[in-house]
Amino acid sequence: MQAPKLLCLTTLCAAGLIVPTASATADGPSSVTVVVSALASTSAAVKLYFYNAREKFLTKGGYAFMRVVKPGGQQQVSLPVELEPGEWAVAITQDTNNNDKLDKNFMGIPTEPFAFSNNVRPRLAPPDFNDCKFTVGGPGKVVSIVLTK
């Protein structure tokens, strides 16, 4: 019974009588562009940590994946990524002294630039996943983040 229905839909699509919508392809990854502006350095590496699990947010090694981008003399970087549909959050650091770690003071507060999606600015504690999350459900999403110096 499914084969004739699929054949009919395929024939209608080929004839141009129906057009598949974005929701028909929403099961796979979607293209998202993360734009990070107000960089502290135009040469120091920018590290983007992508999280899709609330319980792993900001835990050591808890990110789904990480990307490193060199600004190449620019005050802003753009990173296109493919993300599965769902809730995501991004944590960003800029390694201004190129020692491959996020430097912190004696109280554990970062001394190098950092930022979170939704431009969340933590005061006394790290932010919560719910404050930083954004939803991926279709192509063309742009997440703009301003780096905190």
N, C-alpha and C. Protein backbone atom coordinates (compact mmCIF):
# COMPACT_ATOMS: atom_id res chain seq x y z
N MET A 1 0.81 -1.19 0.00
CA MET A 1 0.00 0.00 0.00
C MET A 1 0.86 1.26 0.00
N GLN A 2 2.05 1.24 0.67
CA GLN A 2 2.92 2.40 0.73
C GLN A 2 3.58 2.67 -0.62
N ALA A 3 3.94 1.62 -1.38
CA ALA A 3 4.63 1.80 -2.65
C ALA A 3 3.80 2.61 -3.65
N PRO A 4 2.49 2.30 -3.85
CA PRO A 4 1.70 3.12 -4.78
C PRO A 4 1.60 4.59 -4.33
N LYS A 5 1.50 4.82 -3.02
CA LYS A 5 1.41 6.19 -2.50
C LYS A 5 2.71 6.94 -2.79
N LEU A 6 3.85 6.30 -2.54
CA LEU A 6 5.15 6.91 -2.79
C LEU A 6 5.33 7.18 -4.28
N LEU A 7 4.93 6.23 -5.12
CA LEU A 7 5.02 6.38 -6.57
C LEU A 7 4.17 7.56 -7.03
N CYS A 8 2.99 7.69 -6.47
CA CYS A 8 2.09 8.79 -6.82
C CYS A 8 2.70 10.13 -6.42
N LEU A 9 3.25 10.22 -5.20
CA LEU A 9 3.88 11.47 -4.75
C LEU A 9 5.08 11.81 -5.62
N THR A 10 5.89 10.81 -5.96
CA THR A 10 7.06 11.03 -6.80
C THR A 10 6.64 11.54 -8.17
N THR A 11 5.59 10.97 -8.73
CA THR A 11 5.10 11.38 -10.04
C THR A 11 4.58 12.82 -10.00
N LEU A 12 3.84 13.16 -8.95
CA LEU A 12 3.31 14.52 -8.81
C LEU A 12 4.44 15.53 -8.65
N CYS A 13 5.48 15.18 -7.89
CA CYS A 13 6.64 16.07 -7.73
C CYS A 13 7.35 16.27 -9.06
N ALA A 14 7.56 15.17 -9.79
CA ALA A 14 8.26 15.25 -11.07
C ALA A 14 7.48 16.09 -12.07
N ALA A 15 6.17 16.04 -12.01
CA ALA A 15 5.33 16.82 -12.92
C ALA A 15 5.22 18.28 -12.48
N GLY A 16 5.73 18.59 -11.28
CA GLY A 16 5.67 19.97 -10.80
C GLY A 16 4.32 20.33 -10.21
N LEU A 17 3.47 19.34 -9.97
CA LEU A 17 2.14 19.62 -9.43
C LEU A 17 2.16 19.84 -7.93
N ILE A 18 3.14 19.27 -7.24
CA ILE A 18 3.34 19.57 -5.82
C ILE A 18 4.83 19.82 -5.61
N VAL A 19 5.13 20.66 -4.65
CA VAL A 19 6.51 21.02 -4.37
C VAL A 19 6.82 20.64 -2.93
N PRO A 20 7.90 19.88 -2.70
CA PRO A 20 8.26 19.54 -1.33
C PRO A 20 8.58 20.81 -0.54
N THR A 21 8.17 20.84 0.72
CA THR A 21 8.45 22.00 1.57
C THR A 21 9.66 21.73 2.44
N ALA A 22 10.13 22.77 3.15
CA ALA A 22 11.29 22.62 4.04
C ALA A 22 11.01 21.62 5.13
N SER A 23 9.75 21.52 5.56
CA SER A 23 9.44 20.58 6.64
C SER A 23 9.61 19.14 6.17
N ALA A 24 9.53 18.92 4.87
CA ALA A 24 9.71 17.56 4.36
C ALA A 24 11.16 17.11 4.51
N THR A 25 12.10 18.06 4.60
CA THR A 25 13.51 17.70 4.71
C THR A 25 14.09 18.09 6.07
N ALA A 26 13.24 18.43 7.03
CA ALA A 26 13.70 18.92 8.33
C ALA A 26 14.29 17.82 9.21
N ASP A 27 14.27 16.57 8.75
CA ASP A 27 14.79 15.48 9.57
C ASP A 27 16.31 15.48 9.64
N GLY A 28 16.97 16.00 8.63
CA GLY A 28 18.43 15.98 8.58
C GLY A 28 19.03 17.25 9.13
N PRO A 29 20.36 17.36 9.03
CA PRO A 29 21.05 18.55 9.53
C PRO A 29 20.62 19.81 8.79
N SER A 30 20.71 20.93 9.48
CA SER A 30 20.39 22.23 8.90
C SER A 30 21.62 23.11 8.94
N SER A 31 21.73 23.98 7.94
CA SER A 31 22.88 24.88 7.92
C SER A 31 22.61 26.06 8.85
N VAL A 32 23.59 26.31 9.72
CA VAL A 32 23.53 27.41 10.69
C VAL A 32 24.85 28.17 10.56
N THR A 33 24.78 29.48 10.56
CA THR A 33 25.99 30.30 10.52
C THR A 33 26.14 31.00 11.85
N VAL A 34 27.27 30.79 12.51
CA VAL A 34 27.57 31.48 13.77
C VAL A 34 28.50 32.64 13.43
N VAL A 35 28.08 33.85 13.79
CA VAL A 35 28.87 35.05 13.55
C VAL A 35 29.33 35.60 14.90
N VAL A 36 30.64 35.70 15.08
CA VAL A 36 31.21 36.21 16.32
C VAL A 36 31.87 37.55 16.02
N SER A 37 31.43 38.60 16.71
CA SER A 37 31.97 39.94 16.45
C SER A 37 32.64 40.50 17.70
N ALA A 38 33.27 41.66 17.53
CA ALA A 38 33.99 42.37 18.60
C ALA A 38 35.14 41.53 19.15
N LEU A 39 35.88 40.90 18.24
CA LEU A 39 37.02 40.09 18.66
C LEU A 39 38.08 40.97 19.34
N ALA A 40 38.73 40.42 20.35
CA ALA A 40 39.78 41.14 21.07
C ALA A 40 41.07 41.18 20.27
N SER A 41 41.26 40.22 19.39
CA SER A 41 42.47 40.13 18.59
C SER A 41 42.08 39.72 17.18
N THR A 42 42.76 40.28 16.19
CA THR A 42 42.48 39.90 14.80
C THR A 42 43.35 38.72 14.34
N SER A 43 44.16 38.18 15.28
CA SER A 43 45.01 37.04 14.91
C SER A 43 44.86 35.84 15.84
N ALA A 44 44.38 36.03 17.06
CA ALA A 44 44.27 34.92 18.02
C ALA A 44 43.09 34.00 17.68
N ALA A 45 43.29 32.71 17.90
CA ALA A 45 42.28 31.70 17.59
C ALA A 45 41.00 31.90 18.39
N VAL A 46 39.88 31.67 17.71
CA VAL A 46 38.56 31.71 18.34
C VAL A 46 38.07 30.27 18.40
N LYS A 47 37.69 29.82 19.60
CA LYS A 47 37.22 28.44 19.78
C LYS A 47 35.72 28.45 20.06
N LEU A 48 35.00 27.64 19.31
CA LEU A 48 33.55 27.55 19.46
C LEU A 48 33.20 26.14 19.90
N TYR A 49 32.52 26.03 21.03
CA TYR A 49 32.11 24.74 21.61
C TYR A 49 30.60 24.62 21.46
N PHE A 50 30.14 23.58 20.77
CA PHE A 50 28.72 23.37 20.50
C PHE A 50 28.17 22.29 21.42
N TYR A 51 27.10 22.63 22.13
CA TYR A 51 26.47 21.71 23.08
C TYR A 51 25.03 21.44 22.65
N ASN A 52 24.60 20.19 22.77
CA ASN A 52 23.20 19.85 22.49
C ASN A 52 22.59 19.01 23.60
N ALA A 53 23.25 18.96 24.75
CA ALA A 53 22.73 18.22 25.91
C ALA A 53 22.81 19.11 27.14
N ARG A 54 21.69 19.39 27.72
CA ARG A 54 21.59 20.29 28.88
C ARG A 54 22.52 19.86 30.02
N GLU A 55 22.55 18.57 30.31
CA GLU A 55 23.34 18.07 31.45
C GLU A 55 24.85 18.12 31.21
N LYS A 56 25.27 18.29 29.95
CA LYS A 56 26.70 18.33 29.64
C LYS A 56 27.21 19.75 29.37
N PHE A 57 26.31 20.73 29.44
CA PHE A 57 26.67 22.11 29.11
C PHE A 57 27.78 22.63 30.03
N LEU A 58 28.87 23.07 29.42
CA LEU A 58 30.04 23.64 30.09
C LEU A 58 30.80 22.66 30.97
N THR A 59 30.55 21.35 30.79
CA THR A 59 31.35 20.37 31.52
C THR A 59 32.55 20.00 30.67
N LYS A 60 33.63 19.60 31.30
CA LYS A 60 34.85 19.26 30.58
C LYS A 60 34.57 18.12 29.60
N GLY A 61 34.82 18.39 28.33
CA GLY A 61 34.60 17.39 27.29
C GLY A 61 33.15 17.11 26.98
N GLY A 62 32.21 17.90 27.51
CA GLY A 62 30.79 17.64 27.33
C GLY A 62 30.21 18.17 26.03
N TYR A 63 30.99 18.88 25.25
CA TYR A 63 30.47 19.47 24.02
C TYR A 63 30.29 18.40 22.94
N ALA A 64 29.35 18.65 22.03
CA ALA A 64 29.10 17.73 20.92
C ALA A 64 30.25 17.79 19.91
N PHE A 65 30.73 19.00 19.65
CA PHE A 65 31.91 19.19 18.81
C PHE A 65 32.46 20.59 19.02
N MET A 66 33.69 20.79 18.55
CA MET A 66 34.37 22.07 18.72
C MET A 66 35.02 22.46 17.40
N ARG A 67 35.05 23.75 17.14
CA ARG A 67 35.73 24.27 15.95
C ARG A 67 36.66 25.41 16.36
N VAL A 68 37.78 25.53 15.66
CA VAL A 68 38.73 26.62 15.88
C VAL A 68 38.78 27.43 14.59
N VAL A 69 38.65 28.75 14.74
CA VAL A 69 38.66 29.65 13.59
C VAL A 69 39.71 30.72 13.82
N LYS A 70 40.51 31.00 12.79
CA LYS A 70 41.47 32.10 12.83
C LYS A 70 40.82 33.31 12.18
N PRO A 71 40.87 34.47 12.84
CA PRO A 71 40.20 35.67 12.30
C PRO A 71 40.81 36.21 11.01
N GLY A 72 42.06 35.92 10.73
CA GLY A 72 42.68 36.38 9.49
C GLY A 72 42.67 37.89 9.32
N GLY A 73 42.93 38.62 10.43
CA GLY A 73 42.99 40.07 10.36
C GLY A 73 41.65 40.77 10.48
N GLN A 74 40.57 40.01 10.66
CA GLN A 74 39.22 40.58 10.75
C GLN A 74 38.78 40.75 12.20
N GLN A 75 37.84 41.65 12.45
CA GLN A 75 37.26 41.87 13.78
C GLN A 75 36.08 40.93 14.03
N GLN A 76 35.76 40.10 13.03
CA GLN A 76 34.58 39.22 13.11
C GLN A 76 34.89 37.94 12.35
N VAL A 77 34.32 36.82 12.82
CA VAL A 77 34.44 35.56 12.10
C VAL A 77 33.04 35.00 11.87
N SER A 78 32.88 34.29 10.77
CA SER A 78 31.64 33.59 10.46
C SER A 78 31.97 32.13 10.26
N LEU A 79 31.20 31.27 10.91
CA LEU A 79 31.45 29.83 10.82
C LEU A 79 30.16 29.12 10.41
N PRO A 80 30.10 28.60 9.19
CA PRO A 80 28.93 27.80 8.81
C PRO A 80 29.10 26.37 9.35
N VAL A 81 28.04 25.85 9.96
CA VAL A 81 28.06 24.48 10.48
C VAL A 81 26.74 23.80 10.14
N GLU A 82 26.76 22.49 10.14
CA GLU A 82 25.55 21.69 9.94
C GLU A 82 25.15 21.14 11.31
N LEU A 83 23.94 21.48 11.78
CA LEU A 83 23.47 21.03 13.08
C LEU A 83 22.19 20.22 12.93
N GLU A 84 22.09 19.17 13.71
CA GLU A 84 20.87 18.38 13.75
C GLU A 84 19.75 19.22 14.36
N PRO A 85 18.50 18.99 13.98
CA PRO A 85 17.39 19.72 14.59
C PRO A 85 17.36 19.51 16.10
N GLY A 86 16.98 20.54 16.83
CA GLY A 86 16.89 20.46 18.28
C GLY A 86 17.44 21.71 18.94
N GLU A 87 17.73 21.59 20.22
CA GLU A 87 18.24 22.70 21.00
C GLU A 87 19.76 22.65 21.07
N TRP A 88 20.39 23.80 20.84
CA TRP A 88 21.84 23.92 20.84
C TRP A 88 22.23 25.15 21.63
N ALA A 89 23.46 25.14 22.15
CA ALA A 89 24.05 26.31 22.79
C ALA A 89 25.52 26.35 22.39
N VAL A 90 26.07 27.57 22.32
CA VAL A 90 27.47 27.73 21.91
C VAL A 90 28.20 28.53 22.98
N ALA A 91 29.38 28.04 23.36
CA ALA A 91 30.30 28.78 24.24
C ALA A 91 31.52 29.10 23.40
N ILE A 92 32.02 30.33 23.53
CA ILE A 92 33.12 30.80 22.69
C ILE A 92 34.22 31.39 23.56
N THR A 93 35.46 31.11 23.20
CA THR A 93 36.61 31.73 23.86
C THR A 93 37.57 32.21 22.79
N GLN A 94 38.38 33.21 23.14
CA GLN A 94 39.45 33.63 22.25
C GLN A 94 40.76 33.56 23.02
N ASP A 95 41.66 32.74 22.52
CA ASP A 95 42.94 32.46 23.17
C ASP A 95 43.95 33.55 22.79
N THR A 96 43.88 34.70 23.46
CA THR A 96 44.69 35.86 23.07
C THR A 96 46.19 35.67 23.27
N ASN A 97 46.59 34.79 24.19
CA ASN A 97 48.03 34.58 24.39
C ASN A 97 48.52 33.27 23.76
N ASN A 98 47.65 32.61 23.00
CA ASN A 98 47.99 31.40 22.25
C ASN A 98 48.63 30.29 23.09
N ASN A 99 48.12 30.09 24.32
CA ASN A 99 48.63 28.99 25.14
C ASN A 99 47.69 27.78 25.11
N ASP A 100 46.68 27.82 24.24
CA ASP A 100 45.75 26.71 24.02
C ASP A 100 44.90 26.36 25.24
N LYS A 101 44.59 27.36 26.08
CA LYS A 101 43.67 27.15 27.20
C LYS A 101 43.01 28.47 27.55
N LEU A 102 41.90 28.39 28.27
CA LEU A 102 41.20 29.59 28.74
C LEU A 102 41.81 29.98 30.08
N ASP A 103 42.52 31.09 30.09
CA ASP A 103 43.15 31.55 31.33
C ASP A 103 42.10 32.13 32.27
N LYS A 104 42.29 31.88 33.57
CA LYS A 104 41.36 32.37 34.60
C LYS A 104 42.15 32.98 35.73
N ASN A 105 41.47 33.85 36.50
CA ASN A 105 42.13 34.44 37.68
C ASN A 105 41.99 33.50 38.88
N PHE A 106 42.46 33.93 40.04
CA PHE A 106 42.44 33.07 41.23
C PHE A 106 41.03 32.70 41.68
N MET A 107 40.01 33.45 41.22
CA MET A 107 38.62 33.14 41.58
C MET A 107 37.94 32.27 40.52
N GLY A 108 38.68 31.91 39.48
CA GLY A 108 38.11 31.07 38.43
C GLY A 108 37.38 31.83 37.34
N ILE A 109 37.49 33.14 37.33
CA ILE A 109 36.83 33.96 36.32
C ILE A 109 37.77 34.11 35.12
N PRO A 110 37.26 33.87 33.91
CA PRO A 110 38.13 33.97 32.73
C PRO A 110 38.76 35.36 32.59
N THR A 111 40.05 35.35 32.25
CA THR A 111 40.76 36.60 31.99
C THR A 111 40.91 36.83 30.49
N GLU A 112 40.48 35.87 29.68
CA GLU A 112 40.49 36.00 28.23
C GLU A 112 39.04 36.16 27.75
N PRO A 113 38.86 36.75 26.58
CA PRO A 113 37.50 37.00 26.07
C PRO A 113 36.70 35.71 25.93
N PHE A 114 35.38 35.81 26.22
CA PHE A 114 34.48 34.67 26.10
C PHE A 114 33.09 35.18 25.77
N ALA A 115 32.22 34.29 25.34
CA ALA A 115 30.84 34.65 25.03
C ALA A 115 29.99 33.39 24.96
N PHE A 116 28.67 33.60 25.00
CA PHE A 116 27.71 32.51 24.91
C PHE A 116 26.62 32.89 23.91
N SER A 117 26.00 31.88 23.32
CA SER A 117 24.88 32.15 22.43
C SER A 117 23.80 32.90 23.19
N ASN A 118 23.00 33.63 22.45
CA ASN A 118 21.99 34.57 22.98
C ASN A 118 22.63 35.74 23.72
N ASN A 119 23.95 35.88 23.57
CA ASN A 119 24.70 36.97 24.22
C ASN A 119 24.44 37.03 25.72
N VAL A 120 24.33 35.87 26.34
CA VAL A 120 24.15 35.78 27.79
C VAL A 120 25.41 36.29 28.47
N ARG A 121 25.26 37.16 29.45
CA ARG A 121 26.37 37.73 30.21
C ARG A 121 26.28 37.26 31.66
N PRO A 122 27.01 36.21 32.00
CA PRO A 122 26.94 35.70 33.38
C PRO A 122 27.50 36.70 34.37
N ARG A 123 26.94 36.74 35.56
CA ARG A 123 27.41 37.66 36.60
C ARG A 123 28.29 36.93 37.62
N LEU A 124 27.70 36.05 38.39
CA LEU A 124 28.44 35.40 39.48
C LEU A 124 28.63 33.90 39.28
N ALA A 125 28.00 33.36 38.26
CA ALA A 125 28.09 31.92 38.02
C ALA A 125 27.99 31.67 36.52
N PRO A 126 28.44 30.50 36.07
CA PRO A 126 28.30 30.18 34.65
C PRO A 126 26.82 30.17 34.26
N PRO A 127 26.52 30.48 33.01
CA PRO A 127 25.11 30.51 32.59
C PRO A 127 24.52 29.12 32.49
N ASP A 128 23.21 29.07 32.43
CA ASP A 128 22.47 27.83 32.29
C ASP A 128 22.22 27.54 30.80
N PHE A 129 22.15 26.29 30.45
CA PHE A 129 21.87 25.88 29.07
C PHE A 129 20.61 26.56 28.56
N ASN A 130 19.56 26.60 29.38
CA ASN A 130 18.28 27.17 28.96
C ASN A 130 18.41 28.64 28.56
N ASP A 131 19.32 29.38 29.18
CA ASP A 131 19.51 30.78 28.84
C ASP A 131 20.26 30.94 27.52
N CYS A 132 21.10 29.99 27.19
CA CYS A 132 21.96 30.08 26.01
C CYS A 132 21.42 29.35 24.79
N LYS A 133 20.42 28.52 24.97
CA LYS A 133 19.98 27.65 23.88
C LYS A 133 19.25 28.41 22.76
N PHE A 134 19.36 27.84 21.57
CA PHE A 134 18.59 28.28 20.42
C PHE A 134 18.10 27.02 19.71
N THR A 135 17.04 27.15 18.95
CA THR A 135 16.43 25.99 18.31
C THR A 135 16.80 25.95 16.84
N VAL A 136 17.22 24.77 16.40
CA VAL A 136 17.51 24.52 15.00
C VAL A 136 16.37 23.67 14.45
N GLY A 137 15.72 24.16 13.41
CA GLY A 137 14.62 23.41 12.85
C GLY A 137 14.49 23.60 11.36
N GLY A 138 15.39 24.33 10.77
CA GLY A 138 15.35 24.56 9.34
C GLY A 138 16.61 25.27 8.90
N PRO A 139 16.82 25.36 7.59
CA PRO A 139 18.05 25.95 7.07
C PRO A 139 18.07 27.47 7.20
N GLY A 140 19.28 28.01 7.13
CA GLY A 140 19.44 29.45 7.04
C GLY A 140 19.47 30.21 8.35
N LYS A 141 19.59 29.55 9.47
CA LYS A 141 19.61 30.25 10.76
C LYS A 141 20.97 30.92 10.95
N VAL A 142 20.94 32.14 11.50
CA VAL A 142 22.16 32.87 11.82
C VAL A 142 22.14 33.15 13.32
N VAL A 143 23.23 32.78 13.99
CA VAL A 143 23.39 33.04 15.43
C VAL A 143 24.50 34.08 15.57
N SER A 144 24.15 35.28 16.03
CA SER A 144 25.12 36.37 16.18
C SER A 144 25.51 36.50 17.65
N ILE A 145 26.82 36.53 17.89
CA ILE A 145 27.34 36.58 19.27
C ILE A 145 28.42 37.65 19.35
N VAL A 146 28.34 38.49 20.38
CA VAL A 146 29.35 39.52 20.60
C VAL A 146 30.27 39.04 21.71
N LEU A 147 31.57 39.04 21.42
CA LEU A 147 32.57 38.58 22.39
C LEU A 147 32.69 39.56 23.55
N THR A 148 32.81 39.05 24.77
CA THR A 148 33.01 39.87 25.96
C THR A 148 34.51 39.99 26.22
N LYS A 149 34.98 41.21 26.33
CA LYS A 149 36.42 41.40 26.55
C LYS A 149 36.74 41.49 28.02
